[in-house]
Amino acid sequence: MVYALDLLVEVADPYDLTAASETLYHFLQESGKPKVLIMRRKCALIQGREGVFP
């Protein structure tokens, strides 16, 4: 759906902190059209509550 809206889309692994931080920083520095950052894993806080750690 985001591709149909012609938005800038990036996919990141939230457990790769360096790459995810760089992608987020890059998004915040750019102005212009809206951007979508997709994180591919479940939130670490939710996994911790479920007792399953990455």
N, C-alpha and C. Protein backbone atom coordinates (compact mmCIF):
# COMPACT_ATOMS: atom_id res chain seq x y z
N MET A 1 0.82 -1.18 0.00
CA MET A 1 0.00 0.00 0.00
C MET A 1 0.87 1.26 0.00
N VAL A 2 1.96 1.23 0.76
CA VAL A 2 2.81 2.43 0.79
C VAL A 2 3.49 2.67 -0.55
N TYR A 3 3.77 1.60 -1.28
CA TYR A 3 4.35 1.78 -2.61
C TYR A 3 3.34 2.43 -3.55
N ALA A 4 2.07 2.08 -3.40
CA ALA A 4 1.02 2.67 -4.23
C ALA A 4 0.88 4.17 -3.96
N LEU A 5 1.18 4.58 -2.74
CA LEU A 5 1.11 6.00 -2.38
C LEU A 5 2.40 6.74 -2.72
N ASP A 6 3.35 6.03 -3.31
CA ASP A 6 4.63 6.61 -3.73
C ASP A 6 5.39 7.22 -2.55
N LEU A 7 5.45 6.47 -1.44
CA LEU A 7 6.20 6.90 -0.27
C LEU A 7 7.57 6.25 -0.26
N LEU A 8 8.53 6.89 0.38
CA LEU A 8 9.85 6.31 0.54
C LEU A 8 9.76 5.25 1.63
N VAL A 9 10.16 4.01 1.31
CA VAL A 9 10.03 2.89 2.24
C VAL A 9 11.40 2.27 2.48
N GLU A 10 11.71 2.01 3.75
CA GLU A 10 12.92 1.29 4.14
C GLU A 10 12.51 0.22 5.14
N VAL A 11 13.21 -0.90 5.09
CA VAL A 11 12.98 -2.00 6.02
C VAL A 11 14.24 -2.15 6.86
N ALA A 12 14.08 -2.28 8.17
CA ALA A 12 15.23 -2.40 9.06
C ALA A 12 14.98 -3.49 10.10
N ASP A 13 16.07 -4.04 10.60
CA ASP A 13 16.02 -5.01 11.69
C ASP A 13 16.26 -4.24 12.99
N PRO A 14 15.28 -4.19 13.88
CA PRO A 14 15.44 -3.38 15.09
C PRO A 14 16.53 -3.89 16.03
N TYR A 15 16.95 -5.14 15.88
CA TYR A 15 18.01 -5.68 16.72
C TYR A 15 19.40 -5.35 16.17
N ASP A 16 19.47 -4.83 14.95
CA ASP A 16 20.72 -4.30 14.40
C ASP A 16 20.68 -2.80 14.67
N LEU A 17 21.07 -2.42 15.87
CA LEU A 17 20.90 -1.05 16.33
C LEU A 17 21.63 -0.03 15.47
N THR A 18 22.80 -0.38 14.98
CA THR A 18 23.56 0.57 14.17
C THR A 18 22.83 0.89 12.88
N ALA A 19 22.42 -0.13 12.15
CA ALA A 19 21.75 0.08 10.87
C ALA A 19 20.39 0.75 11.06
N ALA A 20 19.63 0.32 12.07
CA ALA A 20 18.31 0.91 12.31
C ALA A 20 18.44 2.38 12.71
N SER A 21 19.43 2.69 13.53
CA SER A 21 19.64 4.08 13.95
C SER A 21 20.05 4.95 12.78
N GLU A 22 20.94 4.42 11.92
CA GLU A 22 21.37 5.18 10.75
C GLU A 22 20.20 5.45 9.80
N THR A 23 19.36 4.45 9.61
CA THR A 23 18.20 4.62 8.73
C THR A 23 17.25 5.66 9.30
N LEU A 24 16.97 5.58 10.58
CA LEU A 24 16.09 6.55 11.22
C LEU A 24 16.68 7.96 11.16
N TYR A 25 17.97 8.09 11.42
CA TYR A 25 18.63 9.39 11.35
C TYR A 25 18.54 9.96 9.94
N HIS A 26 18.77 9.11 8.94
CA HIS A 26 18.69 9.53 7.54
C HIS A 26 17.28 10.03 7.21
N PHE A 27 16.27 9.31 7.69
CA PHE A 27 14.88 9.72 7.46
C PHE A 27 14.60 11.08 8.08
N LEU A 28 15.10 11.30 9.29
CA LEU A 28 14.83 12.56 9.99
C LEU A 28 15.55 13.74 9.35
N GLN A 29 16.67 13.49 8.68
CA GLN A 29 17.43 14.57 8.04
C GLN A 29 16.81 15.01 6.73
N GLU A 30 16.11 14.10 6.05
CA GLU A 30 15.51 14.42 4.75
C GLU A 30 14.18 15.12 4.94
N SER A 31 13.95 16.11 4.11
CA SER A 31 12.62 16.72 4.09
C SER A 31 11.98 16.33 2.76
N GLY A 32 10.73 16.60 2.65
CA GLY A 32 10.04 16.25 1.41
C GLY A 32 8.88 15.32 1.69
N LYS A 33 8.77 14.32 0.84
CA LYS A 33 7.60 13.44 0.95
C LYS A 33 7.69 12.54 2.18
N PRO A 34 6.55 12.05 2.64
CA PRO A 34 6.51 11.18 3.82
C PRO A 34 7.31 9.90 3.62
N LYS A 35 7.76 9.34 4.73
CA LYS A 35 8.59 8.14 4.71
C LYS A 35 7.99 7.09 5.63
N VAL A 36 8.27 5.81 5.32
CA VAL A 36 7.79 4.70 6.14
C VAL A 36 8.98 3.83 6.49
N LEU A 37 9.18 3.58 7.79
CA LEU A 37 10.24 2.69 8.26
C LEU A 37 9.57 1.46 8.84
N ILE A 38 9.84 0.31 8.25
CA ILE A 38 9.24 -0.94 8.69
C ILE A 38 10.28 -1.72 9.49
N MET A 39 9.95 -2.04 10.73
CA MET A 39 10.81 -2.87 11.56
C MET A 39 10.29 -4.30 11.48
N ARG A 40 11.15 -5.24 11.16
CA ARG A 40 10.73 -6.59 10.82
C ARG A 40 10.56 -7.57 11.97
N ARG A 41 10.86 -7.20 13.18
CA ARG A 41 10.73 -8.14 14.29
C ARG A 41 9.77 -7.60 15.34
N LYS A 42 9.36 -8.49 16.21
CA LYS A 42 8.49 -8.10 17.31
C LYS A 42 9.28 -7.26 18.31
N CYS A 43 8.62 -6.34 18.94
CA CYS A 43 9.23 -5.46 19.93
C CYS A 43 9.86 -6.29 21.05
N ALA A 44 11.07 -5.92 21.47
CA ALA A 44 11.78 -6.65 22.53
C ALA A 44 11.01 -6.60 23.84
N LEU A 45 10.29 -5.51 24.11
CA LEU A 45 9.50 -5.42 25.34
C LEU A 45 8.38 -6.45 25.35
N ILE A 46 7.73 -6.64 24.22
CA ILE A 46 6.66 -7.64 24.13
C ILE A 46 7.23 -9.04 24.26
N GLN A 47 8.36 -9.30 23.61
CA GLN A 47 8.98 -10.62 23.71
C GLN A 47 9.39 -10.91 25.14
N GLY A 48 9.88 -9.90 25.86
CA GLY A 48 10.27 -10.09 27.25
C GLY A 48 9.09 -10.44 28.13
N ARG A 49 7.95 -9.82 27.89
CA ARG A 49 6.75 -10.13 28.66
C ARG A 49 6.26 -11.54 28.39
N GLU A 50 6.47 -12.00 27.15
CA GLU A 50 6.06 -13.35 26.79
C GLU A 50 7.07 -14.39 27.23
N GLY A 51 8.23 -13.96 27.72
CA GLY A 51 9.26 -14.88 28.17
C GLY A 51 10.11 -15.45 27.05
N VAL A 52 10.01 -14.87 25.86
CA VAL A 52 10.79 -15.33 24.72
C VAL A 52 11.74 -14.21 24.34
N PHE A 53 13.03 -14.48 24.40
CA PHE A 53 14.03 -13.46 24.09
C PHE A 53 14.71 -13.78 22.77
N PRO A 54 15.08 -12.73 22.02
CA PRO A 54 15.73 -12.96 20.71
C PRO A 54 17.11 -13.57 20.85
